[in-house]
Each structure stands twice: as structure tokens, then as C-alpha cells.
């Protein structure tokens, strides 16, 4: 039987961890469940991670980095309205392709799993997005709201739709994403 590459095995472990956390909650995650789901030996976990907590932190930070890179890739767009629209649809591309990963990010954030130095990285991502939204407020594109509120108005529908997709097993359609953006845009644009 051919051996699985180290990267593929790590991805299997990551996917198993995310599935366990989303289905059973962060507190219920255990190595035995991850090993069973990933179909690897228990020792394999420790080739990639120090322990369960290290696994949770590393996977969370990896997914957070990927998410941040996805939603900020159009940061240099001169037209702020277009930038925000790109951020939204890029976020939804991530959510539609990886709804469990998106929910894992929410659960991990709520569980406060990161060490202080890791949390500083995650906080930097949030500050970066806040600065992009602040640019929209400052140039008059977005309503004069706190950037935390603007972020919440943009992300909350994605969270709800991701939960629905995971529970139902049905994908989020382009029509739903577009219609939702149109409604959200009405709430965040400067009138």
C-alpha cells in the first residue's frame, strides 16, 4: 500500500479536527475521534502536533491566515465600494467551498484557544480588516458606523448561511449570495 505524503496526512488530520469540532463542539474534541475520522494511527497525530491543544491552535491559525488572505486580496482596489464587494464575494467563495472551516474559525474564536502570541496575529488580521472598512467610512462610501459593527453586518449572514449549508448538506447558491449582499449593502452604505 503506498504511503500518504506528510502534507496529505496533515490535511486529513486538519479536516478530521474541523469536522469533530463543528459536529461535537470544541470542548468535545479528542484525539481518538480525530484519529478514527482521519483513518490514521494515534501516533500520527504526534508526528504533526505536540498534543490536541497544539493541533487546535495550529489548525485555527492556518485557517485564519487562509481566510484573511482570501478576503483581503483586493485591498488595493481604489474604489472602496468595489473593494468591499470583492471582500464579500471572496468571503463567500471561502464559505461555500469550506463551510466547516468557516464555522471552526467562529468556534475557535469563541473558545479562545490561542496562546497570547498567536492571538496577537489573529488580532492583527482583525485590525487589518477594520482599517479597510475604516477607509470606506473615511471616504464616505460606508455608513459612519464603528468598524466592528460594519464587520458584524458583513460576516453574520455568512455565518448563518454556512451553518445552514453544513446542517442541510446543500450548497449556498449564487442567487442567495447576491441577494444577501444587496440587502447587507443597503445597511452599510452611506446614504
N, C-alpha and C. Protein backbone atom coordinates (compact mmCIF):
# COMPACT_ATOMS: atom_id res chain seq x y z
N UNK A 1 0.85 -1.18 0.00
CA UNK A 1 0.00 0.00 0.00
C UNK A 1 0.89 1.24 0.00
N UNK A 2 0.65 2.22 -0.90
CA UNK A 2 1.51 3.41 -0.95
C UNK A 2 1.32 4.28 0.29
N UNK A 3 2.40 4.92 0.68
CA UNK A 3 2.35 5.81 1.85
C UNK A 3 1.78 7.16 1.46
N UNK A 4 1.02 7.71 2.33
CA UNK A 4 0.46 9.04 2.12
C UNK A 4 1.52 10.08 2.45
N UNK A 5 1.61 11.12 1.66
CA UNK A 5 2.60 12.17 1.94
C UNK A 5 2.28 12.87 3.25
N UNK A 6 3.31 13.47 3.82
CA UNK A 6 3.15 14.17 5.10
C UNK A 6 2.10 15.29 4.99
N UNK A 7 2.10 16.04 3.88
CA UNK A 7 1.13 17.12 3.69
C UNK A 7 -0.30 16.58 3.59
N UNK A 8 -0.46 15.47 2.88
CA UNK A 8 -1.80 14.89 2.75
C UNK A 8 -2.30 14.37 4.10
N UNK A 9 -1.40 13.78 4.87
CA UNK A 9 -1.78 13.28 6.19
C UNK A 9 -2.16 14.44 7.10
N UNK A 10 -1.38 15.50 7.05
CA UNK A 10 -1.70 16.67 7.88
C UNK A 10 -3.07 17.25 7.48
N UNK A 11 -3.35 17.27 6.18
CA UNK A 11 -4.65 17.77 5.71
C UNK A 11 -5.78 16.87 6.19
N UNK A 12 -5.56 15.55 6.18
CA UNK A 12 -6.57 14.62 6.70
C UNK A 12 -6.82 14.89 8.18
N UNK A 13 -5.75 15.11 8.93
CA UNK A 13 -5.90 15.42 10.36
C UNK A 13 -6.63 16.73 10.56
N UNK A 14 -6.28 17.73 9.77
CA UNK A 14 -6.95 19.04 9.87
C UNK A 14 -8.44 18.89 9.58
N UNK A 15 -8.77 18.22 8.50
CA UNK A 15 -10.19 18.04 8.15
C UNK A 15 -10.94 17.26 9.22
N UNK A 16 -10.29 16.25 9.79
CA UNK A 16 -10.93 15.47 10.85
C UNK A 16 -11.15 16.31 12.10
N UNK A 17 -10.15 17.12 12.46
CA UNK A 17 -10.28 18.01 13.61
C UNK A 17 -11.43 18.99 13.42
N UNK A 18 -11.46 19.61 12.26
CA UNK A 18 -12.51 20.60 11.98
C UNK A 18 -13.88 19.93 12.04
N UNK A 19 -14.03 18.78 11.43
CA UNK A 19 -15.32 18.07 11.45
C UNK A 19 -15.73 17.72 12.87
N UNK A 20 -14.78 17.23 13.66
CA UNK A 20 -15.08 16.88 15.06
C UNK A 20 -15.55 18.12 15.83
N UNK A 21 -14.83 19.22 15.67
CA UNK A 21 -15.17 20.45 16.40
C UNK A 21 -16.52 21.00 15.98
N UNK A 22 -16.80 21.01 14.69
CA UNK A 22 -18.05 21.57 14.20
C UNK A 22 -19.23 20.68 14.59
N UNK A 23 -19.05 19.39 14.51
CA UNK A 23 -20.15 18.47 14.83
C UNK A 23 -20.38 18.28 16.32
N UNK A 24 -19.30 18.31 17.12
CA UNK A 24 -19.42 17.96 18.53
C UNK A 24 -19.08 19.08 19.50
N UNK A 25 -18.54 20.20 18.99
CA UNK A 25 -18.13 21.30 19.85
C UNK A 25 -16.66 21.22 20.19
N UNK A 26 -16.06 22.35 20.43
CA UNK A 26 -14.62 22.42 20.69
C UNK A 26 -14.24 21.62 21.94
N UNK A 27 -15.04 21.71 22.97
CA UNK A 27 -14.70 21.03 24.23
C UNK A 27 -14.71 19.51 24.09
N UNK A 28 -15.48 19.00 23.15
CA UNK A 28 -15.61 17.54 22.98
C UNK A 28 -14.55 16.95 22.06
N UNK A 29 -13.74 17.78 21.43
CA UNK A 29 -12.71 17.28 20.52
C UNK A 29 -11.71 16.43 21.29
N UNK A 30 -11.43 15.24 20.75
CA UNK A 30 -10.41 14.39 21.36
C UNK A 30 -9.62 13.69 20.27
N UNK A 31 -8.41 13.29 20.62
CA UNK A 31 -7.50 12.68 19.65
C UNK A 31 -8.10 11.40 19.09
N UNK A 32 -8.76 10.60 19.91
CA UNK A 32 -9.34 9.34 19.44
C UNK A 32 -10.35 9.58 18.32
N UNK A 33 -11.18 10.58 18.47
CA UNK A 33 -12.17 10.90 17.44
C UNK A 33 -11.51 11.39 16.16
N UNK A 34 -10.47 12.17 16.30
CA UNK A 34 -9.74 12.69 15.13
C UNK A 34 -9.07 11.55 14.39
N UNK A 35 -8.41 10.67 15.14
CA UNK A 35 -7.70 9.53 14.55
C UNK A 35 -8.68 8.62 13.80
N UNK A 36 -9.80 8.35 14.42
CA UNK A 36 -10.81 7.48 13.79
C UNK A 36 -11.32 8.11 12.50
N UNK A 37 -11.65 9.38 12.55
CA UNK A 37 -12.20 10.07 11.38
C UNK A 37 -11.16 10.19 10.27
N UNK A 38 -9.91 10.46 10.64
CA UNK A 38 -8.84 10.64 9.65
C UNK A 38 -8.31 9.30 9.13
N UNK A 39 -8.65 8.23 9.85
CA UNK A 39 -8.19 6.88 9.47
C UNK A 39 -6.66 6.80 9.47
N UNK A 40 -6.09 7.26 10.58
CA UNK A 40 -4.64 7.19 10.78
C UNK A 40 -4.38 6.58 12.15
N UNK A 41 -3.14 6.24 12.41
CA UNK A 41 -2.80 5.72 13.73
C UNK A 41 -2.68 6.88 14.72
N UNK A 42 -2.86 6.57 15.98
CA UNK A 42 -2.79 7.60 17.02
C UNK A 42 -1.44 8.31 17.03
N UNK A 43 -0.37 7.56 16.79
CA UNK A 43 0.96 8.17 16.79
C UNK A 43 1.16 9.19 15.69
N UNK A 44 0.39 9.08 14.63
CA UNK A 44 0.49 10.02 13.50
C UNK A 44 0.20 11.44 13.94
N UNK A 45 -0.73 11.60 14.84
CA UNK A 45 -1.07 12.94 15.34
C UNK A 45 0.16 13.62 15.90
N UNK A 46 0.97 12.86 16.63
CA UNK A 46 2.11 13.44 17.33
C UNK A 46 3.33 13.64 16.43
N UNK A 47 3.25 13.17 15.21
CA UNK A 47 4.27 13.49 14.22
C UNK A 47 4.07 14.93 13.75
N UNK A 48 2.81 15.37 13.74
CA UNK A 48 2.46 16.68 13.21
C UNK A 48 2.21 17.74 14.29
N UNK A 49 1.78 17.30 15.46
CA UNK A 49 1.39 18.23 16.53
C UNK A 49 1.89 17.72 17.88
N UNK A 50 2.12 18.66 18.80
CA UNK A 50 2.57 18.27 20.14
C UNK A 50 1.47 17.53 20.90
N UNK A 51 0.26 18.05 20.79
CA UNK A 51 -0.89 17.49 21.51
C UNK A 51 -2.17 18.07 20.90
N UNK A 52 -3.30 17.74 21.47
CA UNK A 52 -4.59 18.20 20.93
C UNK A 52 -4.68 19.73 20.93
N UNK A 53 -4.25 20.37 21.99
CA UNK A 53 -4.33 21.83 22.06
C UNK A 53 -3.46 22.48 21.00
N UNK A 54 -2.27 21.94 20.80
CA UNK A 54 -1.38 22.44 19.75
C UNK A 54 -2.05 22.27 18.39
N UNK A 55 -2.69 21.14 18.18
CA UNK A 55 -3.39 20.88 16.93
C UNK A 55 -4.50 21.91 16.72
N UNK A 56 -5.31 22.15 17.73
CA UNK A 56 -6.38 23.13 17.63
C UNK A 56 -5.82 24.51 17.26
N UNK A 57 -4.77 24.92 17.95
CA UNK A 57 -4.19 26.24 17.71
C UNK A 57 -3.60 26.36 16.31
N UNK A 58 -2.82 25.36 15.91
CA UNK A 58 -2.16 25.42 14.60
C UNK A 58 -3.19 25.41 13.47
N UNK A 59 -4.17 24.55 13.58
CA UNK A 59 -5.20 24.48 12.53
C UNK A 59 -5.98 25.79 12.49
N UNK A 60 -6.34 26.30 13.66
CA UNK A 60 -7.09 27.56 13.70
C UNK A 60 -6.29 28.68 13.03
N UNK A 61 -5.03 28.82 13.41
CA UNK A 61 -4.22 29.91 12.86
C UNK A 61 -3.98 29.73 11.36
N UNK A 62 -3.81 28.51 10.91
CA UNK A 62 -3.65 28.25 9.48
C UNK A 62 -4.91 28.66 8.72
N UNK A 63 -6.07 28.24 9.22
CA UNK A 63 -7.33 28.59 8.55
C UNK A 63 -7.60 30.09 8.62
N UNK A 64 -7.28 30.70 9.74
CA UNK A 64 -7.46 32.15 9.90
C UNK A 64 -6.59 32.90 8.89
N UNK A 65 -5.37 32.44 8.71
CA UNK A 65 -4.47 33.06 7.73
C UNK A 65 -5.02 32.91 6.32
N UNK A 66 -5.47 31.73 5.97
CA UNK A 66 -6.04 31.49 4.64
C UNK A 66 -7.28 32.34 4.41
N UNK A 67 -8.14 32.43 5.42
CA UNK A 67 -9.35 33.25 5.31
C UNK A 67 -8.98 34.72 5.11
N UNK A 68 -8.05 35.21 5.92
CA UNK A 68 -7.65 36.61 5.83
C UNK A 68 -7.07 36.92 4.45
N UNK A 69 -6.21 36.05 3.96
CA UNK A 69 -5.62 36.26 2.64
C UNK A 69 -6.71 36.27 1.56
N UNK A 70 -7.71 35.44 1.72
CA UNK A 70 -8.80 35.38 0.75
C UNK A 70 -9.60 36.68 0.73
N UNK A 71 -10.01 37.15 1.90
CA UNK A 71 -10.90 38.31 1.92
C UNK A 71 -10.19 39.64 1.72
N UNK A 72 -8.88 39.67 1.83
CA UNK A 72 -8.17 40.94 1.66
C UNK A 72 -7.37 41.01 0.36
N UNK A 73 -7.56 40.07 -0.52
CA UNK A 73 -6.72 40.06 -1.74
C UNK A 73 -7.00 41.23 -2.68
N UNK A 74 -8.13 41.91 -2.51
CA UNK A 74 -8.44 43.08 -3.34
C UNK A 74 -8.27 44.39 -2.56
N UNK A 75 -7.43 44.35 -1.56
CA UNK A 75 -7.23 45.51 -0.68
C UNK A 75 -6.74 46.75 -1.44
N UNK A 76 -6.07 46.56 -2.56
CA UNK A 76 -5.53 47.69 -3.32
C UNK A 76 -6.52 48.28 -4.31
N UNK A 77 -7.73 47.75 -4.35
CA UNK A 77 -8.78 48.30 -5.21
C UNK A 77 -9.01 49.75 -4.81
N UNK A 78 -8.92 50.66 -5.77
CA UNK A 78 -9.07 52.10 -5.47
C UNK A 78 -10.50 52.46 -5.09
N UNK A 79 -11.46 51.85 -5.72
CA UNK A 79 -12.88 52.11 -5.46
C UNK A 79 -13.29 51.29 -4.23
N UNK A 80 -13.59 51.98 -3.14
CA UNK A 80 -13.88 51.29 -1.88
C UNK A 80 -15.13 50.42 -1.99
N UNK A 81 -16.14 50.88 -2.68
CA UNK A 81 -17.36 50.07 -2.84
C UNK A 81 -17.01 48.76 -3.54
N UNK A 82 -16.19 48.84 -4.57
CA UNK A 82 -15.77 47.61 -5.27
C UNK A 82 -14.92 46.72 -4.37
N UNK A 83 -14.06 47.34 -3.56
CA UNK A 83 -13.23 46.57 -2.64
C UNK A 83 -14.11 45.79 -1.66
N UNK A 84 -15.10 46.46 -1.07
CA UNK A 84 -15.98 45.80 -0.11
C UNK A 84 -16.77 44.69 -0.80
N UNK A 85 -17.23 44.94 -2.00
CA UNK A 85 -17.95 43.92 -2.76
C UNK A 85 -17.05 42.70 -3.01
N UNK A 86 -15.80 42.95 -3.39
CA UNK A 86 -14.85 41.85 -3.59
C UNK A 86 -14.62 41.10 -2.27
N UNK A 87 -14.47 41.83 -1.17
CA UNK A 87 -14.26 41.19 0.12
C UNK A 87 -15.42 40.25 0.44
N UNK A 88 -16.64 40.74 0.21
CA UNK A 88 -17.85 39.96 0.49
C UNK A 88 -17.90 38.69 -0.35
N UNK A 89 -17.74 38.85 -1.64
CA UNK A 89 -17.86 37.68 -2.52
C UNK A 89 -16.68 36.73 -2.35
N UNK A 90 -15.50 37.25 -2.03
CA UNK A 90 -14.36 36.38 -1.73
C UNK A 90 -14.61 35.61 -0.42
N UNK A 91 -15.20 36.30 0.56
CA UNK A 91 -15.57 35.63 1.81
C UNK A 91 -16.54 34.49 1.50
N UNK A 92 -17.51 34.76 0.67
CA UNK A 92 -18.49 33.72 0.35
C UNK A 92 -17.92 32.60 -0.50
N UNK A 93 -16.92 32.89 -1.30
CA UNK A 93 -16.24 31.80 -2.01
C UNK A 93 -15.63 30.85 -0.98
N UNK A 94 -14.98 31.43 0.04
CA UNK A 94 -14.40 30.62 1.11
C UNK A 94 -15.50 29.85 1.84
N UNK A 95 -16.58 30.53 2.20
CA UNK A 95 -17.67 29.90 2.95
C UNK A 95 -18.31 28.77 2.15
N UNK A 96 -18.54 29.00 0.87
CA UNK A 96 -19.18 27.96 0.05
C UNK A 96 -18.27 26.76 -0.16
N UNK A 97 -16.99 27.01 -0.35
CA UNK A 97 -16.05 25.91 -0.57
C UNK A 97 -15.71 25.19 0.74
N UNK A 98 -15.74 25.93 1.84
CA UNK A 98 -15.24 25.39 3.11
C UNK A 98 -16.11 25.81 4.29
N UNK A 99 -17.40 25.48 4.28
CA UNK A 99 -18.27 25.95 5.36
C UNK A 99 -17.85 25.46 6.75
N UNK A 100 -17.35 24.24 6.84
CA UNK A 100 -16.91 23.72 8.15
C UNK A 100 -15.70 24.51 8.66
N UNK A 101 -14.77 24.82 7.77
CA UNK A 101 -13.61 25.60 8.17
C UNK A 101 -14.05 26.97 8.69
N UNK A 102 -15.02 27.58 8.01
CA UNK A 102 -15.52 28.89 8.42
C UNK A 102 -16.15 28.81 9.81
N UNK A 103 -16.96 27.78 10.05
CA UNK A 103 -17.58 27.61 11.37
C UNK A 103 -16.52 27.32 12.43
N UNK A 104 -15.51 26.53 12.07
CA UNK A 104 -14.42 26.23 13.01
C UNK A 104 -13.75 27.53 13.46
N UNK A 105 -13.57 28.47 12.55
CA UNK A 105 -12.97 29.75 12.92
C UNK A 105 -13.83 30.47 13.95
N UNK A 106 -15.13 30.43 13.78
CA UNK A 106 -16.03 31.06 14.74
C UNK A 106 -15.95 30.35 16.09
N UNK A 107 -16.00 29.03 16.08
CA UNK A 107 -15.95 28.27 17.32
C UNK A 107 -14.62 28.46 18.04
N UNK A 108 -13.53 28.45 17.27
CA UNK A 108 -12.21 28.63 17.87
C UNK A 108 -12.03 29.99 18.49
N UNK A 109 -12.58 31.00 17.82
CA UNK A 109 -12.51 32.36 18.37
C UNK A 109 -13.28 32.45 19.68
N UNK A 110 -14.48 31.88 19.70
CA UNK A 110 -15.30 31.92 20.91
C UNK A 110 -14.65 31.13 22.06
N UNK A 111 -13.95 30.04 21.73
CA UNK A 111 -13.31 29.21 22.76
C UNK A 111 -12.00 29.79 23.26
N UNK A 112 -11.51 30.83 22.58
CA UNK A 112 -10.26 31.49 22.99
C UNK A 112 -9.12 30.46 23.14
N UNK A 113 -8.84 29.75 22.06
CA UNK A 113 -7.87 28.65 22.10
C UNK A 113 -6.42 29.07 21.88
N UNK A 114 -6.21 30.29 21.39
CA UNK A 114 -4.86 30.71 21.02
C UNK A 114 -4.03 31.16 22.21
N UNK A 115 -2.73 30.93 22.10
CA UNK A 115 -1.78 31.49 23.06
C UNK A 115 -1.65 32.99 22.77
N UNK A 116 -1.16 33.79 23.72
CA UNK A 116 -1.10 35.24 23.51
C UNK A 116 -0.39 35.67 22.23
N UNK A 117 0.74 35.05 21.89
CA UNK A 117 1.45 35.45 20.68
C UNK A 117 0.67 35.07 19.42
N UNK A 118 -0.08 33.99 19.48
CA UNK A 118 -0.93 33.61 18.34
C UNK A 118 -2.14 34.53 18.25
N UNK A 119 -2.69 34.90 19.40
CA UNK A 119 -3.83 35.80 19.43
C UNK A 119 -3.45 37.16 18.84
N UNK A 120 -2.21 37.58 19.08
CA UNK A 120 -1.74 38.85 18.51
C UNK A 120 -1.78 38.81 16.99
N UNK A 121 -1.46 37.66 16.41
CA UNK A 121 -1.54 37.52 14.94
C UNK A 121 -2.99 37.63 14.49
N UNK A 122 -3.89 36.91 15.15
CA UNK A 122 -5.31 36.96 14.80
C UNK A 122 -5.87 38.38 14.99
N UNK A 123 -5.46 39.04 16.05
CA UNK A 123 -5.90 40.42 16.29
C UNK A 123 -5.39 41.34 15.19
N UNK A 124 -4.19 41.07 14.68
CA UNK A 124 -3.64 41.85 13.57
C UNK A 124 -4.49 41.70 12.32
N UNK A 125 -4.99 40.49 12.07
CA UNK A 125 -5.88 40.28 10.93
C UNK A 125 -7.15 41.11 11.08
N UNK A 126 -7.71 41.10 12.30
CA UNK A 126 -8.93 41.87 12.56
C UNK A 126 -8.67 43.37 12.39
N UNK A 127 -7.53 43.83 12.86
CA UNK A 127 -7.18 45.25 12.73
C UNK A 127 -6.99 45.63 11.26
N UNK A 128 -6.43 44.73 10.49
CA UNK A 128 -6.24 44.96 9.06
C UNK A 128 -7.59 45.14 8.35
N UNK A 129 -8.52 44.26 8.65
CA UNK A 129 -9.85 44.36 8.04
C UNK A 129 -10.56 45.62 8.53
N UNK A 130 -10.41 45.93 9.81
CA UNK A 130 -11.01 47.15 10.35
C UNK A 130 -10.46 48.38 9.63
N UNK A 131 -9.17 48.39 9.32
CA UNK A 131 -8.57 49.52 8.60
C UNK A 131 -9.16 49.66 7.20
N UNK A 132 -9.41 48.53 6.54
CA UNK A 132 -10.03 48.59 5.21
C UNK A 132 -11.45 49.14 5.30
N UNK A 133 -12.19 48.72 6.31
CA UNK A 133 -13.55 49.24 6.49
C UNK A 133 -13.51 50.72 6.90
N UNK A 134 -12.53 51.09 7.72
CA UNK A 134 -12.38 52.49 8.14
C UNK A 134 -12.13 53.37 6.91
N UNK A 135 -11.36 52.86 5.96
CA UNK A 135 -11.13 53.58 4.71
C UNK A 135 -12.46 53.90 4.03
N UNK A 136 -13.39 52.94 4.05
CA UNK A 136 -14.70 53.16 3.45
C UNK A 136 -15.53 54.18 4.21
N UNK A 137 -15.40 54.19 5.53
CA UNK A 137 -16.11 55.20 6.33
C UNK A 137 -15.50 56.57 6.05
N UNK A 138 -14.18 56.64 6.07
CA UNK A 138 -13.48 57.91 5.88
C UNK A 138 -13.73 58.53 4.51
N UNK A 139 -13.86 57.70 3.47
CA UNK A 139 -14.09 58.28 2.14
C UNK A 139 -15.58 58.45 1.81
N UNK A 140 -16.45 58.13 2.79
CA UNK A 140 -17.88 58.36 2.62
C UNK A 140 -18.63 57.25 1.91
N UNK A 141 -17.96 56.15 1.60
CA UNK A 141 -18.62 55.02 0.94
C UNK A 141 -19.50 54.26 1.92
N UNK A 142 -18.99 54.03 3.12
CA UNK A 142 -19.71 53.26 4.12
C UNK A 142 -20.32 54.17 5.17
N UNK A 143 -21.39 53.70 5.78
CA UNK A 143 -22.08 54.45 6.83
C UNK A 143 -21.11 54.72 7.97
N UNK A 144 -21.28 55.83 8.65
CA UNK A 144 -20.37 56.18 9.75
C UNK A 144 -20.65 55.33 11.00
N UNK A 145 -20.33 54.06 10.88
CA UNK A 145 -20.50 53.11 11.98
C UNK A 145 -19.14 52.64 12.46
N UNK A 146 -19.10 52.13 13.66
CA UNK A 146 -17.90 51.50 14.19
C UNK A 146 -17.52 50.34 13.27
N UNK A 147 -16.22 50.15 13.03
CA UNK A 147 -15.79 49.10 12.11
C UNK A 147 -16.17 47.70 12.62
N UNK A 148 -16.27 47.54 13.93
CA UNK A 148 -16.73 46.27 14.48
C UNK A 148 -18.16 45.97 14.07
N UNK A 149 -19.00 47.00 14.08
CA UNK A 149 -20.39 46.83 13.66
C UNK A 149 -20.46 46.54 12.16
N UNK A 150 -19.68 47.26 11.37
CA UNK A 150 -19.66 47.00 9.93
C UNK A 150 -19.22 45.57 9.64
N UNK A 151 -18.20 45.13 10.33
CA UNK A 151 -17.71 43.76 10.15
C UNK A 151 -18.79 42.75 10.53
N UNK A 152 -19.47 42.99 11.63
CA UNK A 152 -20.55 42.10 12.06
C UNK A 152 -21.66 42.03 11.02
N UNK A 153 -22.04 43.17 10.48
CA UNK A 153 -23.10 43.19 9.47
C UNK A 153 -22.69 42.44 8.20
N UNK A 154 -21.41 42.44 7.90
CA UNK A 154 -20.92 41.72 6.72
C UNK A 154 -20.77 40.22 6.98
N UNK A 155 -20.31 39.85 8.16
CA UNK A 155 -19.99 38.45 8.44
C UNK A 155 -21.18 37.64 8.96
N UNK A 156 -22.09 38.24 9.69
CA UNK A 156 -23.20 37.48 10.29
C UNK A 156 -24.00 36.68 9.26
N UNK A 157 -24.35 37.26 8.12
CA UNK A 157 -25.07 36.44 7.13
C UNK A 157 -24.25 35.26 6.63
N UNK A 158 -22.95 35.44 6.50
CA UNK A 158 -22.09 34.34 6.06
C UNK A 158 -22.12 33.21 7.09
N UNK A 159 -22.08 33.57 8.35
CA UNK A 159 -22.11 32.58 9.42
C UNK A 159 -23.43 31.80 9.38
N UNK A 160 -24.52 32.52 9.22
CA UNK A 160 -25.83 31.86 9.18
C UNK A 160 -25.94 30.93 7.97
N UNK A 161 -25.50 31.40 6.83
CA UNK A 161 -25.58 30.58 5.62
C UNK A 161 -24.63 29.39 5.70
N UNK A 162 -23.46 29.56 6.31
CA UNK A 162 -22.53 28.44 6.47
C UNK A 162 -23.14 27.38 7.38
N UNK A 163 -23.75 27.80 8.47
CA UNK A 163 -24.40 26.83 9.37
C UNK A 163 -25.48 26.06 8.62
N UNK A 164 -26.30 26.79 7.87
CA UNK A 164 -27.36 26.14 7.11
C UNK A 164 -26.81 25.14 6.10
N UNK A 165 -25.72 25.50 5.44
CA UNK A 165 -25.11 24.61 4.45
C UNK A 165 -24.57 23.34 5.10
N UNK A 166 -23.94 23.48 6.27
CA UNK A 166 -23.40 22.32 6.97
C UNK A 166 -24.53 21.43 7.46
N UNK A 167 -25.55 22.01 8.04
CA UNK A 167 -26.66 21.23 8.58
C UNK A 167 -27.45 20.53 7.48
N UNK A 168 -27.75 21.25 6.41
CA UNK A 168 -28.59 20.69 5.35
C UNK A 168 -27.80 19.88 4.33
N UNK A 169 -26.50 20.15 4.25
CA UNK A 169 -25.70 19.49 3.23
C UNK A 169 -25.91 20.07 1.84
N UNK A 170 -26.62 21.17 1.77
CA UNK A 170 -26.88 21.81 0.47
C UNK A 170 -25.98 23.03 0.30
N UNK A 171 -25.52 23.25 -0.91
CA UNK A 171 -24.64 24.39 -1.16
C UNK A 171 -25.39 25.72 -1.09
N UNK A 172 -24.63 26.77 -0.89
CA UNK A 172 -25.16 28.13 -0.90
C UNK A 172 -25.14 28.59 -2.35
N UNK A 173 -26.28 29.01 -2.87
CA UNK A 173 -26.37 29.35 -4.30
C UNK A 173 -25.89 30.77 -4.57
N UNK A 174 -25.50 31.01 -5.81
CA UNK A 174 -25.09 32.35 -6.24
C UNK A 174 -26.22 33.36 -6.02
N UNK A 175 -27.46 32.95 -6.30
CA UNK A 175 -28.60 33.85 -6.13
C UNK A 175 -28.75 34.29 -4.68
N UNK A 176 -28.58 33.37 -3.75
CA UNK A 176 -28.70 33.70 -2.33
C UNK A 176 -27.59 34.66 -1.92
N UNK A 177 -26.37 34.39 -2.37
CA UNK A 177 -25.24 35.25 -2.03
C UNK A 177 -25.46 36.66 -2.57
N UNK A 178 -25.86 36.77 -3.83
CA UNK A 178 -26.08 38.08 -4.45
C UNK A 178 -27.22 38.84 -3.77
N UNK A 179 -28.33 38.16 -3.50
CA UNK A 179 -29.47 38.82 -2.87
C UNK A 179 -29.12 39.26 -1.45
N UNK A 180 -28.36 38.43 -0.74
CA UNK A 180 -27.96 38.78 0.62
C UNK A 180 -27.02 39.98 0.60
N UNK A 181 -26.07 40.00 -0.34
CA UNK A 181 -25.18 41.15 -0.42
C UNK A 181 -25.98 42.43 -0.68
N UNK A 182 -26.94 42.37 -1.58
CA UNK A 182 -27.73 43.56 -1.89
C UNK A 182 -28.40 44.10 -0.63
N UNK A 183 -28.92 43.22 0.21
CA UNK A 183 -29.58 43.65 1.46
C UNK A 183 -28.56 44.19 2.46
N UNK A 184 -27.44 43.49 2.59
CA UNK A 184 -26.40 43.94 3.52
C UNK A 184 -25.86 45.29 3.07
N UNK A 185 -25.65 45.44 1.78
CA UNK A 185 -25.11 46.70 1.26
C UNK A 185 -26.02 47.87 1.63
N UNK A 186 -27.34 47.65 1.59
CA UNK A 186 -28.27 48.71 1.98
C UNK A 186 -28.06 49.13 3.43
N UNK A 187 -27.61 48.20 4.27
CA UNK A 187 -27.43 48.54 5.69
C UNK A 187 -26.08 49.17 5.99
N UNK A 188 -25.09 49.01 5.10
CA UNK A 188 -23.75 49.53 5.43
C UNK A 188 -23.32 50.70 4.57
N UNK A 189 -23.97 50.91 3.45
CA UNK A 189 -23.53 52.02 2.59
C UNK A 189 -23.97 53.34 3.19
N UNK A 190 -23.23 54.38 2.88
CA UNK A 190 -23.56 55.72 3.36
C UNK A 190 -24.67 56.26 2.46
N UNK A 191 -25.76 56.65 3.06
CA UNK A 191 -26.92 57.10 2.28
C UNK A 191 -26.82 58.51 1.88
